[in-house]
Amino acid sequence: MKRLILALAVTTATLVVSPMAQAAVIAPGGVQAAPDTQALLAGTLVASGFQNVVSSNVNAQIRYGVYRETSTGNLVFLYQIATNSLDPITRLTGFNFDAYTTDVFNTTSVVGGPFTAGTVVYNVANRTASGGTVGFDYGPTVGGAGVAPGQTSTIMAIRTNAPSFSIGGNIGVTDGTTFNITGFTPTPEPATAVLFGGCFIGLGAFRAWRRRQDTSASS
């Protein structure tokens, strides 16, 4: 079952916290060898949702959202795992970050939406050489036990310089087998701007065509 809660024009949750320094940016091919923990800057959760992943050994809820920090305008992509699986969840990955900076950290900030307080922190974060994929490892391959049955992770955060986002990005969840679900993805410009831009281009072309028709009819 999938639940998606959007609030693109209406504020869903506003968080007020003290400004804090940014976490270390992970460059393409880079690794964050230990988790960085910090609070989010003051801002608003602008979109959120969750999806249940169920199979013979997996029964987990994957929560995701987009948070906009007021002072910078940065979009922060948020993820959280809550599981009753037989197998622990050992990795979560977010995709389509290749065109953006990725400032990766763990946060205990309360943002609302589907997110709740969690206790399990990732061990290692990394980014592929292409820059497109950012992963959070929970073990056991890196020394941890994963997000075990009955546990909830803290909120994983990827702060970006993306100006907008859309629905359609993939989120990967691994327990030995990787499951892909649909979440949010960073985009270079607002979808509404593209839509209206296309409308204006189409209207201009139509008017030019009408003028040519009128000129032909009068000659």
N, C-alpha and C. Protein backbone atom coordinates (compact mmCIF):
# COMPACT_ATOMS: atom_id res chain seq x y z
N MET A 1 0.86 -1.19 0.00
CA MET A 1 0.00 0.00 0.00
C MET A 1 0.89 1.24 0.00
N LYS A 2 0.49 2.22 -0.73
CA LYS A 2 1.29 3.43 -0.87
C LYS A 2 0.48 4.63 -0.44
N ARG A 3 1.12 5.50 0.31
CA ARG A 3 0.46 6.73 0.73
C ARG A 3 1.36 7.89 0.32
N LEU A 4 0.76 8.90 -0.28
CA LEU A 4 1.52 10.07 -0.72
C LEU A 4 0.80 11.31 -0.28
N ILE A 5 1.51 12.17 0.44
CA ILE A 5 0.91 13.38 0.99
C ILE A 5 1.66 14.57 0.40
N LEU A 6 0.99 15.37 -0.41
CA LEU A 6 1.66 16.50 -1.05
C LEU A 6 1.12 17.81 -0.50
N ALA A 7 2.02 18.77 -0.34
CA ALA A 7 1.61 20.10 0.07
C ALA A 7 2.53 21.08 -0.61
N LEU A 8 2.28 21.32 -1.88
CA LEU A 8 3.16 22.18 -2.66
C LEU A 8 2.80 23.65 -2.51
N ALA A 9 1.57 23.95 -2.15
CA ALA A 9 1.16 25.33 -1.98
C ALA A 9 0.77 25.63 -0.54
N VAL A 10 0.55 24.59 0.24
CA VAL A 10 0.12 24.77 1.63
C VAL A 10 1.18 24.21 2.56
N THR A 11 1.51 24.94 3.59
CA THR A 11 2.50 24.48 4.55
C THR A 11 1.96 23.31 5.33
N THR A 12 2.77 22.20 5.40
CA THR A 12 2.35 21.04 6.17
C THR A 12 2.99 21.03 7.54
N ALA A 13 4.24 21.46 7.62
CA ALA A 13 4.92 21.47 8.91
C ALA A 13 6.06 22.47 8.84
N THR A 14 6.18 23.31 9.83
CA THR A 14 7.25 24.29 9.88
C THR A 14 8.10 24.05 11.11
N LEU A 15 9.40 23.99 10.90
CA LEU A 15 10.33 23.69 11.97
C LEU A 15 11.19 24.91 12.22
N VAL A 16 11.35 25.29 13.47
CA VAL A 16 12.21 26.41 13.84
C VAL A 16 13.32 25.88 14.73
N VAL A 17 14.55 25.98 14.23
CA VAL A 17 15.71 25.53 14.99
C VAL A 17 16.83 26.54 14.83
N SER A 18 17.86 26.40 15.64
CA SER A 18 19.01 27.29 15.54
C SER A 18 19.83 26.91 14.33
N PRO A 19 20.40 27.90 13.61
CA PRO A 19 21.25 27.58 12.47
C PRO A 19 22.44 26.75 12.91
N MET A 20 22.83 25.79 12.05
CA MET A 20 23.97 24.95 12.33
C MET A 20 24.84 24.84 11.08
N ALA A 21 26.08 24.47 11.28
CA ALA A 21 27.00 24.33 10.16
C ALA A 21 26.57 23.17 9.28
N GLN A 22 26.88 23.28 7.98
CA GLN A 22 26.53 22.21 7.07
C GLN A 22 27.42 20.99 7.30
N ALA A 23 26.89 19.83 6.99
CA ALA A 23 27.67 18.60 7.05
C ALA A 23 28.65 18.57 5.89
N ALA A 24 29.56 17.62 5.92
CA ALA A 24 30.53 17.48 4.84
C ALA A 24 29.83 17.03 3.57
N VAL A 25 30.11 17.71 2.47
CA VAL A 25 29.54 17.34 1.19
C VAL A 25 30.27 16.10 0.67
N ILE A 26 29.52 15.12 0.21
CA ILE A 26 30.11 13.93 -0.39
C ILE A 26 30.21 14.14 -1.90
N ALA A 27 31.43 14.17 -2.41
CA ALA A 27 31.64 14.33 -3.85
C ALA A 27 31.39 13.00 -4.55
N PRO A 28 31.18 13.00 -5.87
CA PRO A 28 31.04 11.73 -6.58
C PRO A 28 32.22 10.80 -6.30
N GLY A 29 31.89 9.56 -5.98
CA GLY A 29 32.91 8.58 -5.63
C GLY A 29 33.36 8.65 -4.18
N GLY A 30 32.80 9.57 -3.39
CA GLY A 30 33.24 9.78 -2.02
C GLY A 30 32.52 8.91 -1.01
N VAL A 31 33.11 8.86 0.18
CA VAL A 31 32.56 8.06 1.29
C VAL A 31 32.57 8.90 2.55
N GLN A 32 31.49 8.84 3.31
CA GLN A 32 31.44 9.42 4.65
C GLN A 32 31.60 8.26 5.62
N ALA A 33 32.79 8.15 6.22
CA ALA A 33 33.16 6.96 6.98
C ALA A 33 32.43 6.82 8.31
N ALA A 34 31.86 7.90 8.81
CA ALA A 34 31.09 7.86 10.06
C ALA A 34 29.92 8.83 9.91
N PRO A 35 28.80 8.54 10.54
CA PRO A 35 27.62 9.40 10.37
C PRO A 35 27.83 10.78 10.95
N ASP A 36 27.32 11.78 10.26
CA ASP A 36 27.33 13.16 10.74
C ASP A 36 25.91 13.47 11.20
N THR A 37 25.77 14.00 12.40
CA THR A 37 24.44 14.28 12.95
C THR A 37 24.28 15.77 13.19
N GLN A 38 23.18 16.33 12.73
CA GLN A 38 22.89 17.75 12.96
C GLN A 38 21.41 18.01 12.82
N ALA A 39 20.99 19.17 13.27
CA ALA A 39 19.59 19.59 13.12
C ALA A 39 19.40 20.23 11.76
N LEU A 40 18.19 20.15 11.25
CA LEU A 40 17.83 20.88 10.05
C LEU A 40 17.73 22.36 10.37
N LEU A 41 17.99 23.20 9.37
CA LEU A 41 17.73 24.62 9.53
C LEU A 41 16.22 24.85 9.52
N ALA A 42 15.80 26.00 10.03
CA ALA A 42 14.37 26.31 10.04
C ALA A 42 13.79 26.22 8.64
N GLY A 43 12.63 25.61 8.53
CA GLY A 43 12.03 25.45 7.21
C GLY A 43 10.71 24.73 7.26
N THR A 44 10.32 24.15 6.12
CA THR A 44 9.00 23.54 5.97
C THR A 44 9.09 22.20 5.24
N LEU A 45 8.37 21.22 5.74
CA LEU A 45 8.21 19.96 5.02
C LEU A 45 7.17 20.20 3.93
N VAL A 46 7.60 20.21 2.67
CA VAL A 46 6.70 20.60 1.59
C VAL A 46 6.03 19.40 0.91
N ALA A 47 6.58 18.21 1.08
CA ALA A 47 5.97 17.02 0.50
C ALA A 47 6.47 15.80 1.26
N SER A 48 5.62 14.79 1.41
CA SER A 48 6.03 13.59 2.11
C SER A 48 5.14 12.42 1.72
N GLY A 49 5.59 11.23 2.03
CA GLY A 49 4.80 10.04 1.74
C GLY A 49 5.46 8.83 2.34
N PHE A 50 4.86 7.67 2.13
CA PHE A 50 5.48 6.43 2.57
C PHE A 50 4.98 5.28 1.69
N GLN A 51 5.74 4.21 1.71
CA GLN A 51 5.33 3.02 0.98
C GLN A 51 5.72 1.79 1.78
N ASN A 52 4.82 0.83 1.85
CA ASN A 52 5.10 -0.43 2.52
C ASN A 52 5.73 -1.41 1.55
N VAL A 53 6.82 -2.02 1.97
CA VAL A 53 7.51 -3.03 1.17
C VAL A 53 7.29 -4.37 1.85
N VAL A 54 6.62 -5.28 1.17
CA VAL A 54 6.25 -6.56 1.77
C VAL A 54 6.64 -7.70 0.85
N SER A 55 7.36 -8.68 1.40
CA SER A 55 7.68 -9.91 0.69
C SER A 55 7.76 -11.02 1.74
N SER A 56 8.29 -12.17 1.36
CA SER A 56 8.35 -13.29 2.30
C SER A 56 9.20 -12.99 3.53
N ASN A 57 10.26 -12.17 3.36
CA ASN A 57 11.16 -11.86 4.47
C ASN A 57 11.19 -10.38 4.84
N VAL A 58 10.43 -9.56 4.12
CA VAL A 58 10.48 -8.12 4.34
C VAL A 58 9.09 -7.58 4.65
N ASN A 59 9.00 -6.79 5.70
CA ASN A 59 7.78 -6.07 6.03
C ASN A 59 8.22 -4.73 6.62
N ALA A 60 8.44 -3.78 5.73
CA ALA A 60 9.03 -2.51 6.15
C ALA A 60 8.25 -1.35 5.57
N GLN A 61 8.26 -0.24 6.29
CA GLN A 61 7.67 0.99 5.79
C GLN A 61 8.80 1.98 5.51
N ILE A 62 8.84 2.45 4.28
CA ILE A 62 9.85 3.41 3.87
C ILE A 62 9.18 4.78 3.77
N ARG A 63 9.68 5.72 4.55
CA ARG A 63 9.11 7.06 4.59
C ARG A 63 10.05 8.02 3.87
N TYR A 64 9.47 8.98 3.16
CA TYR A 64 10.31 9.90 2.39
C TYR A 64 9.64 11.26 2.34
N GLY A 65 10.44 12.29 2.15
CA GLY A 65 9.89 13.64 2.11
C GLY A 65 10.89 14.63 1.55
N VAL A 66 10.40 15.83 1.30
CA VAL A 66 11.24 16.94 0.85
C VAL A 66 11.00 18.12 1.78
N TYR A 67 12.09 18.65 2.29
CA TYR A 67 12.06 19.74 3.27
C TYR A 67 12.81 20.93 2.69
N ARG A 68 12.21 22.13 2.74
CA ARG A 68 12.88 23.33 2.23
C ARG A 68 13.34 24.19 3.39
N GLU A 69 14.64 24.47 3.44
CA GLU A 69 15.19 25.32 4.48
C GLU A 69 14.98 26.79 4.09
N THR A 70 14.39 27.55 4.98
CA THR A 70 13.95 28.91 4.67
C THR A 70 15.09 29.84 4.32
N SER A 71 16.15 29.85 5.10
CA SER A 71 17.23 30.83 4.93
C SER A 71 18.03 30.62 3.65
N THR A 72 18.15 29.38 3.21
CA THR A 72 18.98 29.08 2.04
C THR A 72 18.16 28.70 0.81
N GLY A 73 16.93 28.23 1.03
CA GLY A 73 16.12 27.70 -0.06
C GLY A 73 16.52 26.29 -0.46
N ASN A 74 17.49 25.71 0.26
CA ASN A 74 17.95 24.37 -0.08
C ASN A 74 16.83 23.34 0.10
N LEU A 75 16.79 22.38 -0.81
CA LEU A 75 15.88 21.25 -0.66
C LEU A 75 16.64 20.10 -0.01
N VAL A 76 16.04 19.53 1.04
CA VAL A 76 16.64 18.40 1.75
C VAL A 76 15.73 17.19 1.54
N PHE A 77 16.28 16.12 0.99
CA PHE A 77 15.52 14.89 0.76
C PHE A 77 15.69 13.99 1.98
N LEU A 78 14.55 13.57 2.55
CA LEU A 78 14.54 12.85 3.83
C LEU A 78 14.07 11.41 3.62
N TYR A 79 14.65 10.50 4.41
CA TYR A 79 14.29 9.08 4.33
C TYR A 79 14.28 8.48 5.73
N GLN A 80 13.40 7.50 5.93
CA GLN A 80 13.36 6.78 7.21
C GLN A 80 12.85 5.37 6.98
N ILE A 81 13.39 4.42 7.76
CA ILE A 81 13.01 3.02 7.67
C ILE A 81 12.36 2.59 8.98
N ALA A 82 11.21 1.96 8.90
CA ALA A 82 10.58 1.31 10.07
C ALA A 82 10.26 -0.11 9.64
N THR A 83 10.71 -1.10 10.40
CA THR A 83 10.60 -2.47 9.91
C THR A 83 10.12 -3.47 10.96
N ASN A 84 9.35 -4.43 10.49
CA ASN A 84 9.01 -5.64 11.25
C ASN A 84 9.44 -6.87 10.46
N SER A 85 10.45 -6.67 9.60
CA SER A 85 10.91 -7.74 8.72
C SER A 85 11.55 -8.88 9.49
N LEU A 86 11.54 -10.06 8.87
CA LEU A 86 12.33 -11.16 9.40
C LEU A 86 13.82 -10.86 9.23
N ASP A 87 14.15 -10.24 8.08
CA ASP A 87 15.53 -9.86 7.82
C ASP A 87 15.73 -8.38 8.13
N PRO A 88 16.89 -8.00 8.66
CA PRO A 88 17.17 -6.58 8.88
C PRO A 88 17.37 -5.86 7.55
N ILE A 89 17.04 -4.57 7.52
CA ILE A 89 17.31 -3.74 6.35
C ILE A 89 18.74 -3.21 6.49
N THR A 90 19.56 -3.44 5.47
CA THR A 90 20.98 -3.11 5.59
C THR A 90 21.41 -1.90 4.76
N ARG A 91 20.57 -1.44 3.84
CA ARG A 91 20.98 -0.31 3.01
C ARG A 91 19.76 0.38 2.42
N LEU A 92 19.84 1.70 2.31
CA LEU A 92 18.85 2.50 1.58
C LEU A 92 19.60 3.40 0.62
N THR A 93 19.09 3.53 -0.60
CA THR A 93 19.73 4.37 -1.60
C THR A 93 18.74 5.33 -2.23
N GLY A 94 19.21 6.54 -2.49
CA GLY A 94 18.45 7.53 -3.24
C GLY A 94 19.14 7.80 -4.57
N PHE A 95 18.36 8.12 -5.60
CA PHE A 95 18.91 8.23 -6.94
C PHE A 95 18.69 9.63 -7.54
N ASN A 96 19.36 9.85 -8.67
CA ASN A 96 19.21 11.06 -9.51
C ASN A 96 19.81 12.31 -8.89
N PHE A 97 20.91 12.15 -8.14
CA PHE A 97 21.58 13.30 -7.53
C PHE A 97 22.82 13.74 -8.32
N ASP A 98 23.01 13.23 -9.53
CA ASP A 98 24.25 13.47 -10.25
C ASP A 98 24.51 14.93 -10.60
N ALA A 99 23.48 15.74 -10.72
CA ALA A 99 23.67 17.14 -11.12
C ALA A 99 23.76 18.10 -9.92
N TYR A 100 23.81 17.54 -8.70
CA TYR A 100 23.68 18.40 -7.51
C TYR A 100 24.71 18.06 -6.44
N THR A 101 24.95 19.01 -5.56
CA THR A 101 25.77 18.73 -4.39
C THR A 101 24.94 17.90 -3.41
N THR A 102 25.62 17.05 -2.65
CA THR A 102 24.91 16.21 -1.68
C THR A 102 25.60 16.34 -0.32
N ASP A 103 24.93 17.01 0.57
CA ASP A 103 25.39 17.25 1.93
C ASP A 103 24.63 16.25 2.81
N VAL A 104 25.31 15.21 3.26
CA VAL A 104 24.63 14.04 3.83
C VAL A 104 24.80 14.00 5.34
N PHE A 105 23.67 13.76 6.05
CA PHE A 105 23.76 13.70 7.51
C PHE A 105 22.55 12.97 8.08
N ASN A 106 22.63 12.67 9.34
CA ASN A 106 21.57 12.07 10.13
C ASN A 106 20.95 13.19 10.98
N THR A 107 19.63 13.23 11.07
CA THR A 107 19.00 14.28 11.87
C THR A 107 17.96 13.71 12.81
N THR A 108 17.87 14.30 13.98
CA THR A 108 16.83 13.95 14.94
C THR A 108 15.76 15.04 15.02
N SER A 109 15.80 15.99 14.09
CA SER A 109 14.80 17.04 14.04
C SER A 109 13.41 16.44 13.81
N VAL A 110 12.41 16.99 14.45
CA VAL A 110 11.03 16.55 14.25
C VAL A 110 10.44 17.37 13.11
N VAL A 111 10.08 16.71 12.02
CA VAL A 111 9.62 17.43 10.84
C VAL A 111 8.15 17.21 10.53
N GLY A 112 7.50 16.28 11.22
CA GLY A 112 6.09 16.02 10.95
C GLY A 112 5.89 15.02 9.83
N GLY A 113 4.71 15.02 9.20
CA GLY A 113 4.41 14.07 8.15
C GLY A 113 4.46 12.65 8.69
N PRO A 114 4.98 11.69 7.92
CA PRO A 114 5.02 10.30 8.37
C PRO A 114 6.22 10.00 9.28
N PHE A 115 7.11 10.97 9.46
CA PHE A 115 8.35 10.73 10.19
C PHE A 115 8.12 10.71 11.70
N THR A 116 8.82 9.79 12.37
CA THR A 116 8.73 9.64 13.82
C THR A 116 10.14 9.58 14.41
N ALA A 117 10.22 9.57 15.72
CA ALA A 117 11.52 9.44 16.38
C ALA A 117 12.07 8.05 16.12
N GLY A 118 13.35 7.97 15.79
CA GLY A 118 14.00 6.69 15.53
C GLY A 118 15.29 6.58 16.32
N THR A 119 15.86 5.39 16.36
CA THR A 119 17.05 5.16 17.18
C THR A 119 18.24 4.61 16.41
N VAL A 120 18.02 4.02 15.23
CA VAL A 120 19.12 3.36 14.52
C VAL A 120 19.74 4.34 13.52
N VAL A 121 21.04 4.56 13.66
CA VAL A 121 21.78 5.50 12.82
C VAL A 121 22.60 4.73 11.79
N TYR A 122 22.66 5.23 10.57
CA TYR A 122 23.48 4.56 9.55
C TYR A 122 24.96 4.55 9.97
N ASN A 123 25.72 3.61 9.42
CA ASN A 123 27.14 3.51 9.73
C ASN A 123 28.02 4.28 8.75
N VAL A 124 27.72 4.14 7.48
CA VAL A 124 28.53 4.72 6.42
C VAL A 124 27.59 5.27 5.35
N ALA A 125 27.94 6.41 4.76
CA ALA A 125 27.23 6.93 3.60
C ALA A 125 28.21 7.03 2.44
N ASN A 126 27.73 6.80 1.24
CA ASN A 126 28.62 6.87 0.08
C ASN A 126 27.87 7.35 -1.15
N ARG A 127 28.66 7.71 -2.16
CA ARG A 127 28.08 8.21 -3.41
C ARG A 127 28.82 7.56 -4.56
N THR A 128 28.10 7.12 -5.57
CA THR A 128 28.72 6.45 -6.70
C THR A 128 29.60 7.42 -7.49
N ALA A 129 30.50 6.85 -8.31
CA ALA A 129 31.44 7.67 -9.09
C ALA A 129 30.71 8.62 -10.04
N SER A 130 29.56 8.20 -10.55
CA SER A 130 28.77 9.06 -11.44
C SER A 130 28.09 10.20 -10.68
N GLY A 131 27.96 10.02 -9.34
CA GLY A 131 27.31 11.04 -8.51
C GLY A 131 25.82 10.88 -8.38
N GLY A 132 25.23 9.96 -9.14
CA GLY A 132 23.78 9.87 -9.17
C GLY A 132 23.15 9.20 -7.96
N THR A 133 23.88 8.27 -7.34
CA THR A 133 23.31 7.47 -6.26
C THR A 133 24.00 7.77 -4.94
N VAL A 134 23.19 8.04 -3.90
CA VAL A 134 23.70 8.22 -2.54
C VAL A 134 23.14 7.09 -1.70
N GLY A 135 24.02 6.37 -0.99
CA GLY A 135 23.59 5.23 -0.21
C GLY A 135 23.90 5.38 1.27
N PHE A 136 23.04 4.80 2.10
CA PHE A 136 23.23 4.75 3.55
C PHE A 136 23.34 3.29 3.95
N ASP A 137 24.48 2.89 4.51
CA ASP A 137 24.69 1.51 4.91
C ASP A 137 24.45 1.34 6.41
N TYR A 138 23.71 0.28 6.74
CA TYR A 138 23.42 -0.05 8.14
C TYR A 138 24.07 -1.36 8.57
N GLY A 139 24.88 -1.97 7.72
CA GLY A 139 25.47 -3.27 8.03
C GLY A 139 24.61 -4.37 7.44
N PRO A 140 25.00 -5.65 7.69
CA PRO A 140 26.10 -6.05 8.58
C PRO A 140 27.48 -5.99 7.96
N THR A 141 27.55 -5.70 6.65
CA THR A 141 28.85 -5.73 5.98
C THR A 141 29.80 -4.65 6.48
N VAL A 142 29.27 -3.61 7.12
CA VAL A 142 30.13 -2.55 7.64
C VAL A 142 30.17 -2.58 9.17
N GLY A 143 29.82 -3.72 9.74
CA GLY A 143 29.96 -3.88 11.18
C GLY A 143 28.71 -3.65 11.99
N GLY A 144 27.61 -3.30 11.34
CA GLY A 144 26.37 -3.08 12.08
C GLY A 144 25.43 -4.26 11.92
N ALA A 145 24.28 -4.17 12.52
CA ALA A 145 23.30 -5.25 12.45
C ALA A 145 22.13 -4.92 11.56
N GLY A 146 22.14 -3.75 10.92
CA GLY A 146 21.02 -3.33 10.10
C GLY A 146 19.89 -2.76 10.95
N VAL A 147 18.82 -2.36 10.29
CA VAL A 147 17.61 -1.93 10.99
C VAL A 147 16.81 -3.19 11.25
N ALA A 148 16.85 -3.67 12.47
CA ALA A 148 16.30 -4.98 12.82
C ALA A 148 14.79 -4.92 13.01
N PRO A 149 14.12 -6.09 13.04
CA PRO A 149 12.68 -6.12 13.27
C PRO A 149 12.28 -5.35 14.52
N GLY A 150 11.25 -4.50 14.38
CA GLY A 150 10.77 -3.70 15.50
C GLY A 150 11.50 -2.39 15.68
N GLN A 151 12.50 -2.13 14.83
CA GLN A 151 13.28 -0.90 14.99
C GLN A 151 12.90 0.14 13.93
N THR A 152 13.23 1.39 14.23
CA THR A 152 13.04 2.50 13.30
C THR A 152 14.34 3.28 13.22
N SER A 153 14.75 3.63 12.03
CA SER A 153 15.96 4.41 11.85
C SER A 153 15.70 5.87 12.22
N THR A 154 16.77 6.60 12.48
CA THR A 154 16.65 8.05 12.53
C THR A 154 16.44 8.53 11.10
N ILE A 155 16.24 9.82 10.92
CA ILE A 155 15.96 10.36 9.59
C ILE A 155 17.27 10.62 8.85
N MET A 156 17.40 10.03 7.68
CA MET A 156 18.54 10.28 6.80
C MET A 156 18.24 11.51 5.95
N ALA A 157 19.22 12.37 5.79
CA ALA A 157 19.00 13.63 5.07
C ALA A 157 20.06 13.84 4.00
N ILE A 158 19.61 14.30 2.84
CA ILE A 158 20.52 14.70 1.76
C ILE A 158 20.17 16.13 1.38
N ARG A 159 20.98 17.07 1.82
CA ARG A 159 20.77 18.49 1.48
C ARG A 159 21.38 18.74 0.11
N THR A 160 20.61 19.38 -0.77
CA THR A 160 21.07 19.59 -2.14
C THR A 160 20.96 21.06 -2.53
N ASN A 161 21.49 21.38 -3.70
CA ASN A 161 21.29 22.71 -4.29
C ASN A 161 20.28 22.65 -5.43
N ALA A 162 19.47 21.59 -5.46
CA ALA A 162 18.43 21.45 -6.48
C ALA A 162 17.36 22.52 -6.27
N PRO A 163 16.91 23.19 -7.34
CA PRO A 163 15.89 24.23 -7.19
C PRO A 163 14.48 23.69 -7.05
N SER A 164 14.27 22.41 -7.44
CA SER A 164 12.91 21.88 -7.40
C SER A 164 12.96 20.36 -7.30
N PHE A 165 11.79 19.74 -7.30
CA PHE A 165 11.71 18.29 -7.20
C PHE A 165 10.44 17.82 -7.90
N SER A 166 10.37 16.53 -8.13
CA SER A 166 9.16 15.95 -8.72
C SER A 166 8.96 14.55 -8.16
N ILE A 167 7.80 13.97 -8.41
CA ILE A 167 7.53 12.58 -8.04
C ILE A 167 8.06 11.69 -9.15
N GLY A 168 8.69 10.59 -8.79
CA GLY A 168 9.15 9.67 -9.82
C GLY A 168 10.54 9.12 -9.59
N GLY A 169 11.26 9.65 -8.60
CA GLY A 169 12.58 9.11 -8.32
C GLY A 169 12.48 7.77 -7.60
N ASN A 170 13.50 6.93 -7.78
CA ASN A 170 13.52 5.64 -7.12
C ASN A 170 14.22 5.70 -5.78
N ILE A 171 13.78 4.83 -4.87
CA ILE A 171 14.44 4.61 -3.58
C ILE A 171 14.70 3.11 -3.50
N GLY A 172 15.94 2.73 -3.23
CA GLY A 172 16.27 1.32 -3.13
C GLY A 172 16.39 0.89 -1.67
N VAL A 173 15.83 -0.27 -1.34
CA VAL A 173 15.88 -0.81 0.01
C VAL A 173 16.44 -2.23 -0.07
N THR A 174 17.46 -2.53 0.75
CA THR A 174 18.16 -3.80 0.64
C THR A 174 18.12 -4.59 1.95
N ASP A 175 17.78 -5.87 1.81
CA ASP A 175 17.88 -6.80 2.95
C ASP A 175 18.65 -8.05 2.51
N GLY A 176 19.44 -7.92 1.46
CA GLY A 176 20.05 -9.04 0.75
C GLY A 176 19.50 -9.03 -0.67
N THR A 177 18.22 -8.72 -0.79
CA THR A 177 17.56 -8.43 -2.07
C THR A 177 17.20 -6.95 -2.07
N THR A 178 17.34 -6.30 -3.22
CA THR A 178 17.02 -4.88 -3.31
C THR A 178 15.63 -4.68 -3.89
N PHE A 179 14.82 -3.86 -3.22
CA PHE A 179 13.48 -3.49 -3.68
C PHE A 179 13.51 -2.01 -4.04
N ASN A 180 12.89 -1.66 -5.16
CA ASN A 180 12.82 -0.26 -5.58
C ASN A 180 11.39 0.26 -5.44
N ILE A 181 11.25 1.42 -4.83
CA ILE A 181 9.95 2.07 -4.71
C ILE A 181 10.05 3.47 -5.29
N THR A 182 8.93 4.11 -5.48
CA THR A 182 8.89 5.45 -6.07
C THR A 182 8.81 6.52 -4.99
N GLY A 183 9.67 7.53 -5.09
CA GLY A 183 9.65 8.63 -4.14
C GLY A 183 9.80 9.95 -4.87
N PHE A 184 10.56 10.85 -4.29
CA PHE A 184 10.78 12.17 -4.88
C PHE A 184 12.19 12.24 -5.47
N THR A 185 12.34 13.07 -6.49
CA THR A 185 13.63 13.21 -7.15
C THR A 185 13.93 14.69 -7.39
N PRO A 186 15.20 15.11 -7.27
CA PRO A 186 15.53 16.51 -7.56
C PRO A 186 15.39 16.80 -9.05
N THR A 187 14.97 18.00 -9.38
CA THR A 187 14.84 18.42 -10.78
C THR A 187 15.45 19.80 -10.97
N PRO A 188 15.88 20.12 -12.19
CA PRO A 188 16.57 21.39 -12.43
C PRO A 188 15.69 22.61 -12.40
N GLU A 189 14.37 22.45 -12.61
CA GLU A 189 13.47 23.59 -12.58
C GLU A 189 12.08 23.10 -12.24
N PRO A 190 11.24 24.00 -11.70
CA PRO A 190 9.89 23.58 -11.33
C PRO A 190 9.12 23.04 -12.52
N ALA A 191 8.41 21.96 -12.29
CA ALA A 191 7.61 21.37 -13.36
C ALA A 191 6.57 22.34 -13.87
N THR A 192 6.04 23.19 -12.97
CA THR A 192 5.02 24.16 -13.39
C THR A 192 5.61 25.17 -14.36
N ALA A 193 6.88 25.54 -14.14
CA ALA A 193 7.52 26.50 -15.04
C ALA A 193 7.67 25.90 -16.43
N VAL A 194 8.04 24.62 -16.48
CA VAL A 194 8.16 23.94 -17.77
C VAL A 194 6.81 23.87 -18.45
N LEU A 195 5.76 23.57 -17.68
CA LEU A 195 4.42 23.45 -18.22
C LEU A 195 3.96 24.77 -18.82
N PHE A 196 4.08 25.85 -18.03
CA PHE A 196 3.63 27.15 -18.54
C PHE A 196 4.50 27.62 -19.69
N GLY A 197 5.80 27.33 -19.63
CA GLY A 197 6.68 27.70 -20.73
C GLY A 197 6.26 27.03 -22.01
N GLY A 198 5.91 25.74 -21.92
CA GLY A 198 5.45 25.02 -23.09
C GLY A 198 4.16 25.58 -23.63
N CYS A 199 3.27 26.01 -22.72
CA CYS A 199 2.00 26.60 -23.15
C CYS A 199 2.21 27.88 -23.92
N PHE A 200 3.14 28.74 -23.41
CA PHE A 200 3.40 30.02 -24.08
C PHE A 200 4.05 29.80 -25.45
N ILE A 201 4.96 28.81 -25.53
CA ILE A 201 5.58 28.51 -26.81
C ILE A 201 4.53 28.04 -27.80
N GLY A 202 3.64 27.14 -27.32
CA GLY A 202 2.58 26.64 -28.18
C GLY A 202 1.64 27.74 -28.64
N LEU A 203 1.29 28.67 -27.75
CA LEU A 203 0.41 29.78 -28.09
C LEU A 203 1.06 30.69 -29.12
N GLY A 204 2.36 30.93 -28.96
CA GLY A 204 3.08 31.78 -29.92
C GLY A 204 3.11 31.15 -31.29
N ALA A 205 3.33 29.84 -31.35
CA ALA A 205 3.35 29.15 -32.64
C ALA A 205 1.98 29.19 -33.31
N PHE A 206 0.92 29.05 -32.49
CA PHE A 206 -0.44 29.08 -33.03
C PHE A 206 -0.75 30.46 -33.62
N ARG A 207 -0.35 31.52 -32.90
CA ARG A 207 -0.61 32.88 -33.40
C ARG A 207 0.16 33.14 -34.70
N ALA A 208 1.41 32.64 -34.76
CA ALA A 208 2.19 32.82 -35.99
C ALA A 208 1.53 32.10 -37.16
N TRP A 209 1.00 30.91 -36.89
CA TRP A 209 0.31 30.15 -37.93
C TRP A 209 -0.93 30.89 -38.41
N ARG A 210 -1.70 31.47 -37.45
CA ARG A 210 -2.91 32.22 -37.82
C ARG A 210 -2.56 33.43 -38.67
N ARG A 211 -1.46 34.11 -38.34
CA ARG A 211 -1.08 35.27 -39.13
C ARG A 211 -0.73 34.86 -40.56
N ARG A 212 -0.03 33.74 -40.71
CA ARG A 212 0.30 33.28 -42.06
C ARG A 212 -0.95 32.90 -42.84
N GLN A 213 -1.92 32.27 -42.13
CA GLN A 213 -3.18 31.93 -42.78
C GLN A 213 -3.94 33.18 -43.24
N ASP A 214 -3.97 34.19 -42.37
CA ASP A 214 -4.69 35.43 -42.71
C ASP A 214 -4.02 36.13 -43.88
N THR A 215 -2.67 36.12 -43.89
CA THR A 215 -1.94 36.78 -44.99
C THR A 215 -2.21 36.06 -46.31
N SER A 216 -2.24 34.72 -46.27
CA SER A 216 -2.50 33.96 -47.48
C SER A 216 -3.90 34.19 -48.01
N ALA A 217 -4.87 34.32 -47.11
CA ALA A 217 -6.27 34.50 -47.50
C ALA A 217 -6.49 35.87 -48.11
N SER A 218 -5.76 36.87 -47.66
CA SER A 218 -5.98 38.23 -48.17
C SER A 218 -5.21 38.53 -49.44
N SER A 219 -4.26 37.66 -49.79
CA SER A 219 -3.46 37.95 -50.99
C SER A 219 -4.04 37.27 -52.22
